[in-house]
C-alpha atoms as a PDB file:
ATOM      1  CA  MET A   1       0.000   0.000   0.000  1.00  0.00           C
ATOM      2  CA  ASN A   2       1.458   3.382  -1.009  1.00  0.00           C
ATOM      3  CA  VAL A   3       1.718   6.345   1.355  1.00  0.00           C
ATOM      4  CA  ASP A   4      -1.295   8.221  -0.043  1.00  0.00           C
ATOM      5  CA  SER A   5      -3.567   5.187   0.187  1.00  0.00           C
ATOM      6  CA  LYS A   6      -2.351   4.503   3.692  1.00  0.00           C
ATOM      7  CA  ARG A   7      -3.033   8.055   4.782  1.00  0.00           C
ATOM      8  CA  ARG A   8      -6.533   7.971   3.291  1.00  0.00           C
ATOM      9  CA  LEU A   9      -7.221   4.744   5.175  1.00  0.00           C
ATOM     10  CA  GLN A  10      -6.024   6.316   8.418  1.00  0.00           C
ATOM     11  CA  LEU A  11      -8.186   9.406   7.966  1.00  0.00           C
ATOM     12  CA  GLY A  12     -11.152   7.255   7.037  1.00  0.00           C
ATOM     13  CA  ALA A  13     -10.811   5.234  10.237  1.00  0.00           C
ATOM     14  CA  GLY A  14     -10.547   8.346  12.406  1.00  0.00           C
ATOM     15  CA  ILE A  15     -13.454  10.100  10.733  1.00  0.00           C
ATOM     16  CA  GLY A  16     -15.506   6.915  11.020  1.00  0.00           C
ATOM     17  CA  VAL A  17     -15.015   6.872  14.801  1.00  0.00           C
ATOM     18  CA  PHE A  18     -15.919  10.563  14.996  1.00  0.00           C
ATOM     19  CA  VAL A  19     -19.093  10.189  12.901  1.00  0.00           C
ATOM     20  CA  PHE A  20     -20.200   7.192  14.970  1.00  0.00           C
ATOM     21  CA  ALA A  21     -19.683   9.131  18.220  1.00  0.00           C
ATOM     22  CA  VAL A  22     -21.651  12.144  16.980  1.00  0.00           C
ATOM     23  CA  ALA A  23     -24.468   9.944  15.637  1.00  0.00           C
ATOM     24  CA  PHE A  24     -24.621   7.993  18.901  1.00  0.00           C
ATOM     25  CA  SER A  25     -24.815  11.235  20.890  1.00  0.00           C
ATOM     26  CA  TYR A  26     -27.526  12.683  18.644  1.00  0.00           C
ATOM     27  CA  PHE A  27     -29.833   9.668  18.452  1.00  0.00           C
ATOM     28  CA  PHE A  28     -29.365   8.168  21.897  1.00  0.00           C
ATOM     29  CA  GLY A  29     -27.937  10.924  24.122  1.00  0.00           C
ATOM     30  CA  VAL A  30     -31.240  11.997  25.659  1.00  0.00           C
ATOM     31  CA  THR A  31     -33.452   8.938  25.242  1.00  0.00           C
ATOM     32  CA  GLU A  32     -31.664   5.984  26.750  1.00  0.00           C
ATOM     33  CA  ALA A  33     -32.692   5.173  30.328  1.00  0.00           C
ATOM     34  CA  THR A  34     -29.964   5.169  32.952  1.00  0.00           C
ATOM     35  CA  GLY A  35     -29.864   4.251  36.637  1.00  0.00           C
ATOM     36  CA  ILE A  36     -32.567   6.450  38.155  1.00  0.00           C
ATOM     37  CA  SER A  37     -35.437   7.183  35.764  1.00  0.00           C
ATOM     38  CA  ASP A  38     -37.933   8.829  38.155  1.00  0.00           C
ATOM     39  CA  TYR A  39     -37.333  12.428  39.234  1.00  0.00           C
ATOM     40  CA  ASP A  40     -39.398  14.875  41.251  1.00  0.00           C
ATOM     41  CA  ILE A  41     -37.965  18.349  40.693  1.00  0.00           C
ATOM     42  CA  TYR A  42     -38.812  21.773  42.035  1.00  0.00           C
ATOM     43  CA  LEU A  43     -37.691  24.808  40.077  1.00  0.00           C
ATOM     44  CA  VAL A  44     -36.937  27.393  42.775  1.00  0.00           C
ATOM     45  CA  LEU A  45     -36.596  30.789  41.110  1.00  0.00           C
ATOM     46  CA  ASP A  46     -35.431  34.109  42.518  1.00  0.00           C
ATOM     47  CA  VAL A  47     -37.932  36.836  41.572  1.00  0.00           C
ATOM     48  CA  SER A  48     -36.601  39.512  43.944  1.00  0.00           C
ATOM     49  CA  GLY A  49     -36.380  43.183  43.026  1.00  0.00           C
ATOM     50  CA  SER A  50     -32.917  42.784  41.510  1.00  0.00           C
ATOM     51  CA  MET A  51     -34.470  40.693  38.722  1.00  0.00           C
ATOM     52  CA  ILE A  52     -36.416  43.709  37.444  1.00  0.00           C
ATOM     53  CA  GLU A  53     -33.480  45.643  35.972  1.00  0.00           C
ATOM     54  CA  PRO A  54     -32.609  45.273  33.223  1.00  0.00           C
ATOM     55  CA  PRO A  55     -35.982  43.918  32.002  1.00  0.00           C
ATOM     56  CA  ALA A  56     -34.245  41.237  29.923  1.00  0.00           C
ATOM     57  CA  LYS A  57     -32.935  39.657  33.121  1.00  0.00           C
ATOM     58  CA  LEU A  58     -36.297  38.303  34.208  1.00  0.00           C
ATOM     59  CA  ALA A  59     -37.153  37.405  30.612  1.00  0.00           C
ATOM     60  CA  SER A  60     -33.973  35.319  30.361  1.00  0.00           C
ATOM     61  CA  ALA A  61     -34.834  33.545  33.612  1.00  0.00           C
ATOM     62  CA  LYS A  62     -38.270  32.692  32.215  1.00  0.00           C
ATOM     63  CA  ASN A  63     -36.736  31.452  28.955  1.00  0.00           C
ATOM     64  CA  ALA A  64     -34.283  29.261  30.862  1.00  0.00           C
ATOM     65  CA  ALA A  65     -37.039  27.787  33.033  1.00  0.00           C
ATOM     66  CA  ASN A  66     -39.188  27.078  29.974  1.00  0.00           C
ATOM     67  CA  GLU A  67     -36.227  25.451  28.206  1.00  0.00           C
ATOM     68  CA  PHE A  68     -35.756  23.168  31.193  1.00  0.00           C
ATOM     69  CA  VAL A  69     -39.439  22.225  31.367  1.00  0.00           C
ATOM     70  CA  ASN A  70     -39.639  21.590  27.621  1.00  0.00           C
ATOM     71  CA  ALA A  71     -36.514  19.418  27.723  1.00  0.00           C
ATOM     72  CA  MET A  72     -38.250  17.147  30.247  1.00  0.00           C
ATOM     73  CA  GLU A  73     -40.894  16.318  27.587  1.00  0.00           C
ATOM     74  CA  LEU A  74     -43.534  15.939  30.266  1.00  0.00           C
ATOM     75  CA  ASP A  75     -46.767  14.046  29.621  1.00  0.00           C
ATOM     76  CA  THR A  76     -49.069  11.614  31.419  1.00  0.00           C
ATOM     77  CA  SER A  77     -46.628   8.749  30.868  1.00  0.00           C
ATOM     78  CA  SER A  78     -43.567  10.702  32.038  1.00  0.00           C
ATOM     79  CA  ASP A  79     -41.316   9.407  34.815  1.00  0.00           C
ATOM     80  CA  ILE A  80     -40.419  13.019  35.675  1.00  0.00           C
ATOM     81  CA  ARG A  81     -42.529  15.581  37.523  1.00  0.00           C
ATOM     82  CA  VAL A  82     -41.668  19.253  37.902  1.00  0.00           C
ATOM     83  CA  GLY A  83     -43.009  21.940  40.241  1.00  0.00           C
ATOM     84  CA  LEU A  84     -42.459  25.706  40.476  1.00  0.00           C
ATOM     85  CA  ILE A  85     -41.617  27.726  43.591  1.00  0.00           C
ATOM     86  CA  VAL A  86     -40.643  31.411  43.512  1.00  0.00           C
ATOM     87  CA  PHE A  87     -39.139  33.556  46.217  1.00  0.00           C
ATOM     88  CA  GLN A  88     -38.624  37.207  47.057  1.00  0.00           C
ATOM     89  CA  SER A  89     -39.338  38.443  50.594  1.00  0.00           C
ATOM     90  CA  SER A  90     -41.681  35.477  50.912  1.00  0.00           C
ATOM     91  CA  VAL A  91     -41.974  32.094  49.226  1.00  0.00           C
ATOM     92  CA  ALA A  92     -44.834  31.006  46.980  1.00  0.00           C
ATOM     93  CA  THR A  93     -45.657  27.696  45.318  1.00  0.00           C
ATOM     94  CA  ARG A  94     -46.966  28.448  41.847  1.00  0.00           C
ATOM     95  CA  VAL A  95     -47.253  24.846  40.614  1.00  0.00           C
ATOM     96  CA  SER A  96     -47.061  21.672  42.677  1.00  0.00           C
ATOM     97  CA  LEU A  97     -45.305  18.632  41.212  1.00  0.00           C
ATOM     98  CA  THR A  98     -46.903  17.817  37.898  1.00  0.00           C
ATOM     99  CA  ASN A  99     -46.316  16.343  34.455  1.00  0.00           C
ATOM    100  CA  ASP A 100     -48.491  19.059  32.846  1.00  0.00           C
ATOM    101  CA  GLN A 101     -45.996  20.949  30.698  1.00  0.00           C
ATOM    102  CA  ASN A 102     -48.486  23.620  29.613  1.00  0.00           C
ATOM    103  CA  GLN A 103     -49.418  24.455  33.201  1.00  0.00           C
ATOM    104  CA  LEU A 104     -45.768  24.996  34.074  1.00  0.00           C
ATOM    105  CA  ASN A 105     -45.030  27.095  30.985  1.00  0.00           C
ATOM    106  CA  ASN A 106     -48.064  29.290  31.638  1.00  0.00           C
ATOM    107  CA  ALA A 107     -47.090  29.839  35.262  1.00  0.00           C
ATOM    108  CA  ILE A 108     -43.524  30.744  34.286  1.00  0.00           C
ATOM    109  CA  SER A 109     -44.720  33.242  31.671  1.00  0.00           C
ATOM    110  CA  GLN A 110     -46.743  35.126  34.311  1.00  0.00           C
ATOM    111  CA  LEU A 111     -43.863  35.669  36.765  1.00  0.00           C
ATOM    112  CA  GLY A 112     -43.097  39.172  37.970  1.00  0.00           C
ATOM    113  CA  ALA A 113     -40.367  40.456  40.283  1.00  0.00           C
ATOM    114  CA  GLY A 114     -40.011  42.621  43.393  1.00  0.00           C
ATOM    115  CA  GLY A 115     -39.043  42.468  47.063  1.00  0.00           C
ATOM    116  CA  GLY A 116     -36.145  40.932  48.994  1.00  0.00           C
ATOM    117  CA  THR A 117     -34.361  37.564  48.753  1.00  0.00           C
ATOM    118  CA  ALA A 118     -35.456  34.813  51.154  1.00  0.00           C
ATOM    119  CA  MET A 119     -33.293  32.085  49.597  1.00  0.00           C
ATOM    120  CA  GLY A 120     -33.013  29.912  52.701  1.00  0.00           C
ATOM    121  CA  ASP A 121     -36.776  29.896  53.212  1.00  0.00           C
ATOM    122  CA  ALA A 122     -37.239  28.843  49.580  1.00  0.00           C
ATOM    123  CA  ILE A 123     -34.795  25.935  49.865  1.00  0.00           C
ATOM    124  CA  PHE A 124     -36.423  24.788  53.104  1.00  0.00           C
ATOM    125  CA  ASP A 125     -39.987  25.040  51.736  1.00  0.00           C
ATOM    126  CA  ALA A 126     -39.045  23.162  48.567  1.00  0.00           C
ATOM    127  CA  THR A 127     -37.407  20.453  50.684  1.00  0.00           C
ATOM    128  CA  GLN A 128     -40.536  20.093  52.812  1.00  0.00           C
ATOM    129  CA  LYS A 129     -42.775  19.859  49.768  1.00  0.00           C
ATOM    130  CA  LEU A 130     -40.537  17.263  48.139  1.00  0.00           C
ATOM    131  CA  SER A 131     -40.482  15.209  51.328  1.00  0.00           C
ATOM    132  CA  ALA A 132     -44.295  15.274  51.423  1.00  0.00           C
ATOM    133  CA  GLU A 133     -45.084  14.931  47.703  1.00  0.00           C
ATOM    134  CA  ALA A 134     -42.265  12.973  46.065  1.00  0.00           C
ATOM    135  CA  ARG A 135     -42.719   9.360  45.054  1.00  0.00           C
ATOM    136  CA  PRO A 136     -40.804   6.831  47.173  1.00  0.00           C
ATOM    137  CA  ASP A 137     -38.635   5.679  44.252  1.00  0.00           C
ATOM    138  CA  ALA A 138     -38.020   9.137  42.758  1.00  0.00           C
ATOM    139  CA  LYS A 139     -34.860  11.218  43.052  1.00  0.00           C
ATOM    140  CA  LYS A 140     -35.675  14.528  44.756  1.00  0.00           C
ATOM    141  CA  VAL A 141     -34.080  17.582  43.137  1.00  0.00           C
ATOM    142  CA  ILE A 142     -34.134  21.346  43.624  1.00  0.00           C
ATOM    143  CA  LEU A 143     -32.980  23.512  40.714  1.00  0.00           C
ATOM    144  CA  LEU A 144     -32.236  26.820  42.425  1.00  0.00           C
ATOM    145  CA  LEU A 145     -31.715  30.111  40.587  1.00  0.00           C
ATOM    146  CA  SER A 146     -30.540  33.301  42.304  1.00  0.00           C
ATOM    147  CA  ASP A 147     -29.028  36.547  41.044  1.00  0.00           C
ATOM    148  CA  GLY A 148     -27.882  37.993  44.382  1.00  0.00           C
ATOM    149  CA  GLN A 149     -27.439  37.416  48.096  1.00  0.00           C
ATOM    150  CA  PRO A 150     -30.013  36.446  50.722  1.00  0.00           C
ATOM    151  CA  THR A 151     -31.417  39.476  52.521  1.00  0.00           C
ATOM    152  CA  GLU A 152     -33.872  37.856  54.915  1.00  0.00           C
ATOM    153  CA  GLY A 153     -35.297  34.606  56.237  1.00  0.00           C
ATOM    154  CA  MET A 154     -33.571  31.344  57.186  1.00  0.00           C
ATOM    155  CA  ASP A 155     -29.836  30.833  56.764  1.00  0.00           C
ATOM    156  CA  SER A 156     -29.306  29.193  53.361  1.00  0.00           C
ATOM    157  CA  LEU A 157     -26.722  26.687  54.609  1.00  0.00           C
ATOM    158  CA  VAL A 158     -29.034  25.557  57.411  1.00  0.00           C
ATOM    159  CA  ALA A 159     -31.703  25.004  54.765  1.00  0.00           C
ATOM    160  CA  ALA A 160     -29.190  23.130  52.597  1.00  0.00           C
ATOM    161  CA  ARG A 161     -28.348  20.799  55.484  1.00  0.00           C
ATOM    162  CA  SER A 162     -32.061  20.113  55.875  1.00  0.00           C
ATOM    163  CA  ALA A 163     -32.183  19.246  52.177  1.00  0.00           C
ATOM    164  CA  LYS A 164     -29.310  16.810  52.605  1.00  0.00           C
ATOM    165  CA  THR A 165     -31.022  15.171  55.591  1.00  0.00           C
ATOM    166  CA  ASN A 166     -34.090  14.639  53.412  1.00  0.00           C
ATOM    167  CA  ASP A 167     -32.061  13.253  50.467  1.00  0.00           C
ATOM    168  CA  VAL A 168     -32.713  16.292  48.287  1.00  0.00           C
ATOM    169  CA  LEU A 169     -30.087  17.172  45.682  1.00  0.00           C
ATOM    170  CA  VAL A 170     -29.587  20.869  44.884  1.00  0.00           C
ATOM    171  CA  PHE A 171     -28.360  22.243  41.555  1.00  0.00           C
ATOM    172  CA  ALA A 172     -27.583  25.913  42.265  1.00  0.00           C
ATOM    173  CA  VAL A 173     -27.270  28.469  39.455  1.00  0.00           C
ATOM    174  CA  GLY A 174     -25.890  31.968  39.992  1.00  0.00           C
ATOM    175  CA  TYR A 175     -27.162  34.451  37.418  1.00  0.00           C
ATOM    176  CA  GLY A 176     -25.329  37.696  36.704  1.00  0.00           C
ATOM    177  CA  VAL A 177     -22.265  39.359  38.169  1.00  0.00           C
ATOM    178  CA  ASN A 178     -23.848  39.965  41.593  1.00  0.00           C
ATOM    179  CA  ALA A 179     -24.784  36.357  42.326  1.00  0.00           C
ATOM    180  CA  ASP A 180     -23.222  35.003  45.518  1.00  0.00           C
ATOM    181  CA  MET A 181     -21.394  32.090  43.881  1.00  0.00           C
ATOM    182  CA  GLY A 182     -19.522  31.273  47.072  1.00  0.00           C
ATOM    183  CA  LEU A 183     -22.770  30.668  48.940  1.00  0.00           C
ATOM    184  CA  LEU A 184     -24.451  28.868  46.031  1.00  0.00           C
ATOM    185  CA  THR A 185     -21.456  26.565  45.684  1.00  0.00           C
ATOM    186  CA  GLN A 186     -21.643  25.718  49.393  1.00  0.00           C
ATOM    187  CA  VAL A 187     -25.394  25.089  49.202  1.00  0.00           C
ATOM    188  CA  ALA A 188     -24.979  22.687  46.283  1.00  0.00           C
ATOM    189  CA  SER A 189     -21.929  20.991  47.813  1.00  0.00           C
ATOM    190  CA  VAL A 190     -23.679  20.296  51.124  1.00  0.00           C
ATOM    191  CA  THR A 191     -26.315  18.244  49.294  1.00  0.00           C
ATOM    192  CA  GLY A 192     -23.892  16.543  46.887  1.00  0.00           C
ATOM    193  CA  GLY A 193     -25.099  18.690  44.002  1.00  0.00           C
ATOM    194  CA  LYS A 194     -23.334  21.084  41.675  1.00  0.00           C
ATOM    195  CA  SER A 195     -23.197  24.853  41.201  1.00  0.00           C
ATOM    196  CA  TYR A 196     -23.143  26.774  37.927  1.00  0.00           C
ATOM    197  CA  GLU A 197     -22.369  30.371  37.022  1.00  0.00           C
ATOM    198  CA  ALA A 198     -24.296  32.090  34.228  1.00  0.00           C
ATOM    199  CA  VAL A 199     -23.170  35.641  33.515  1.00  0.00           C
ATOM    200  CA  THR A 200     -25.461  36.430  30.569  1.00  0.00           C
ATOM    201  CA  GLY A 201     -29.017  35.516  29.689  1.00  0.00           C
ATOM    202  CA  GLN A 202     -27.825  33.110  27.008  1.00  0.00           C
ATOM    203  CA  ASP A 203     -25.446  31.507  29.511  1.00  0.00           C
ATOM    204  CA  LEU A 204     -28.440  30.930  31.767  1.00  0.00           C
ATOM    205  CA  VAL A 205     -30.518  29.290  29.041  1.00  0.00           C
ATOM    206  CA  ASP A 206     -27.574  27.073  28.067  1.00  0.00           C
ATOM    207  CA  THR A 207     -26.949  26.136  31.705  1.00  0.00           C
ATOM    208  CA  PHE A 208     -30.548  25.079  32.316  1.00  0.00           C
ATOM    209  CA  ARG A 209     -30.478  23.074  29.089  1.00  0.00           C
ATOM    210  CA  ASP A 210     -27.271  21.327  30.181  1.00  0.00           C
ATOM    211  CA  ILE A 211     -28.704  20.501  33.601  1.00  0.00           C
ATOM    212  CA  ALA A 212     -31.763  19.012  31.912  1.00  0.00           C
ATOM    213  CA  SER A 213     -29.509  16.816  29.776  1.00  0.00           C
ATOM    214  CA  VAL A 214     -27.596  15.598  32.830  1.00  0.00           C
ATOM    215  CA  ILE A 215     -30.820  14.745  34.660  1.00  0.00           C
ATOM    216  CA  ILE A 216     -32.408  12.952  31.725  1.00  0.00           C
ATOM    217  CA  SER A 217     -29.425  10.836  30.732  1.00  0.00           C
ATOM    218  CA  PRO A 218     -26.186  11.422  32.672  1.00  0.00           C
ATOM    219  CA  VAL A 219     -24.347   8.227  31.716  1.00  0.00           C
ATOM    220  CA  VAL A 220     -25.142   8.270  28.028  1.00  0.00           C
ATOM    221  CA  GLN A 221     -24.490  11.981  27.680  1.00  0.00           C
ATOM    222  CA  TYR A 222     -21.033  11.835  29.212  1.00  0.00           C
ATOM    223  CA  GLY A 223     -20.236   8.551  27.443  1.00  0.00           C
ATOM    224  CA  SER A 224     -21.042   9.927  24.006  1.00  0.00           C
ATOM    225  CA  ARG A 225     -19.139  13.143  24.650  1.00  0.00           C
ATOM    226  CA  THR A 226     -16.147  11.114  25.730  1.00  0.00           C
ATOM    227  CA  MET A 227     -16.319   9.176  22.461  1.00  0.00           C
ATOM    228  CA  VAL A 228     -16.271  12.448  20.510  1.00  0.00           C
ATOM    229  CA  LEU A 229     -13.307  13.720  22.491  1.00  0.00           C
ATOM    230  CA  VAL A 230     -11.439  10.458  21.888  1.00  0.00           C
ATOM    231  CA  ALA A 231     -12.187  10.523  18.162  1.00  0.00           C
ATOM    232  CA  ILE A 232     -10.662  13.969  17.599  1.00  0.00           C
ATOM    233  CA  PRO A 233      -7.102  13.116  18.733  1.00  0.00           C
ATOM    234  CA  ILE A 234      -7.348   9.812  16.871  1.00  0.00           C
ATOM    235  CA  ILE A 235      -7.890  11.768  13.644  1.00  0.00           C
ATOM    236  CA  LEU A 236      -5.128  14.266  14.400  1.00  0.00           C
ATOM    237  CA  PHE A 237      -2.474  11.850  15.614  1.00  0.00           C
ATOM    238  CA  ILE A 238      -3.074   8.676  13.612  1.00  0.00           C
ATOM    239  CA  PRO A 239       0.395   8.826  11.940  1.00  0.00           C
ATOM    240  CA  ALA A 240       2.135   9.217  15.299  1.00  0.00           C
ATOM    241  CA  ILE A 241       0.005   6.457  16.821  1.00  0.00           C
ATOM    242  CA  GLU A 242       0.795   4.140  13.923  1.00  0.00           C
ATOM    243  CA  LYS A 243       4.512   4.909  14.122  1.00  0.00           C
ATOM    244  CA  GLY A 244       4.526   4.177  17.843  1.00  0.00           C
ATOM    245  CA  LEU A 245       2.691   0.901  17.370  1.00  0.00           C
ATOM    246  CA  THR A 246       5.004  -0.099  14.527  1.00  0.00           C
ATOM    247  CA  THR A 247       8.058   0.624  16.658  1.00  0.00           C
ATOM    248  CA  PHE A 248       6.597  -1.285  19.589  1.00  0.00           C
ATOM    249  CA  ILE A 249       5.708  -4.299  17.452  1.00  0.00           C
ATOM    250  CA  GLY A 250       9.126  -4.173  15.782  1.00  0.00           C
ATOM    251  CA  GLN A 251      10.823  -4.267  19.166  1.00  0.00           C
ATOM    252  CA  LYS A 252       8.699  -7.200  20.204  1.00  0.00           C
ATOM    253  CA  GLN A 253       9.618  -9.082  17.004  1.00  0.00           C
ATOM    254  CA  LYS A 254      13.424  -8.812  17.147  1.00  0.00           C
ATOM    255  CA  PRO A 255      15.151 -11.839  15.530  1.00  0.00           C
ATOM    256  CA  THR A 256      16.413 -14.573  17.847  1.00  0.00           C
ATOM    257  CA  THR A 257      18.736 -16.242  15.275  1.00  0.00           C
ATOM    258  CA  ILE A 258      21.219 -15.205  12.595  1.00  0.00           C
ATOM    259  CA  THR A 259      21.428 -16.902   9.160  1.00  0.00           C
ATOM    260  CA  CYS A 260      24.739 -17.774   7.562  1.00  0.00           C
ATOM    261  CA  PRO A 261      24.948 -16.049   4.153  1.00  0.00           C
ATOM    262  CA  LYS A 262      27.077 -18.908   2.804  1.00  0.00           C
ATOM    263  CA  CYS A 263      25.134 -22.053   3.731  1.00  0.00           C
ATOM    264  CA  ASN A 264      21.864 -20.602   5.038  1.00  0.00           C
ATOM    265  CA  ARG A 265      22.266 -22.338   8.373  1.00  0.00           C
ATOM    266  CA  SER A 266      20.398 -20.710  11.297  1.00  0.00           C
ATOM    267  CA  ASN A 267      22.709 -19.979  14.196  1.00  0.00           C
ATOM    268  CA  ALA A 268      22.262 -18.587  17.682  1.00  0.00           C
ATOM    269  CA  LEU A 269      22.127 -14.818  17.716  1.00  0.00           C
ATOM    270  CA  THR A 270      25.286 -14.695  19.852  1.00  0.00           C
ATOM    271  CA  ALA A 271      27.325 -16.975  17.534  1.00  0.00           C
ATOM    272  CA  LYS A 272      30.352 -15.433  15.786  1.00  0.00           C
ATOM    273  CA  PHE A 273      30.907 -18.307  13.330  1.00  0.00           C
ATOM    274  CA  CYS A 274      28.506 -20.602  11.490  1.00  0.00           C
ATOM    275  CA  ALA A 275      28.222 -23.948  13.267  1.00  0.00           C
ATOM    276  CA  LYS A 276      28.000 -25.789   9.912  1.00  0.00           C
ATOM    277  CA  CYS A 277      30.617 -24.178   7.628  1.00  0.00           C
ATOM    278  CA  GLY A 278      32.608 -21.981  10.001  1.00  0.00           C
ATOM    279  CA  ASN A 279      31.914 -18.861   7.978  1.00  0.00           C
ATOM    280  CA  PRO A 280      32.185 -15.626  10.038  1.00  0.00           C
ATOM    281  CA  LEU A 281      28.760 -14.201  10.817  1.00  0.00           C
ATOM    282  CA  ARG A 282      28.271 -10.514  10.217  1.00  0.00           C
ATOM    283  CA  ARG A 283      25.681  -8.431  11.987  1.00  0.00           C
ATOM    284  CA  SER A 284      24.148  -5.280  10.546  1.00  0.00           C
END
């Protein structure tokens, strides 16, 4: 095989792996069941006064929440239920756990903002509702969004410890430059969850979409992404990989005998003269 044909074969193999990984991610990344399939989730959204300005801030929060709800693909046969709690100076449950996607979207679209930030109260109330309403076999999750710091109510870390005691996992998202990421990270960490920072409205939408993907299919999502990441260096470094393998195989296949050029007798590799004809043995 000439060099050009060999190179084409190498590229074809690498591209084939890449295409398979992308196709696998696209067709199976959000549909295959993994581990836990039942989730009861409360969206806990900050609608304090700081969400009013600029006006696009609240609109982006609504878009992100709707993206999350739509990604769940809720219906009467769904294994996932979602509820909506909002907080400012007080906490209000807008939608209890449901698989009615339209009800959730309508409630989100009607949200307004004003008042203080009772984050701890919101976490605690959501935990209590999950403990009372969640199905026995469902994973209990709070998806918390805040754009600032708590100004009143229960201490957020005390509320987070209550969530942990009740087996509630918290995903905490800080929105904008004034979000208290240190506190949100601690809240999520206490429960074994994860924190995210979203500086812009688009960051927030993307973050909620990513969290939805992790919840729906964590194993398959990460597995397919890993395949894509593996395929890229395979394409880029196939020649180096092949050279390394060739060298390794060549070292493993070193000759163990030396052939006499005069009589073709095989001799031990350490022999200086042919055992049959006495001819001196030369080594390259």
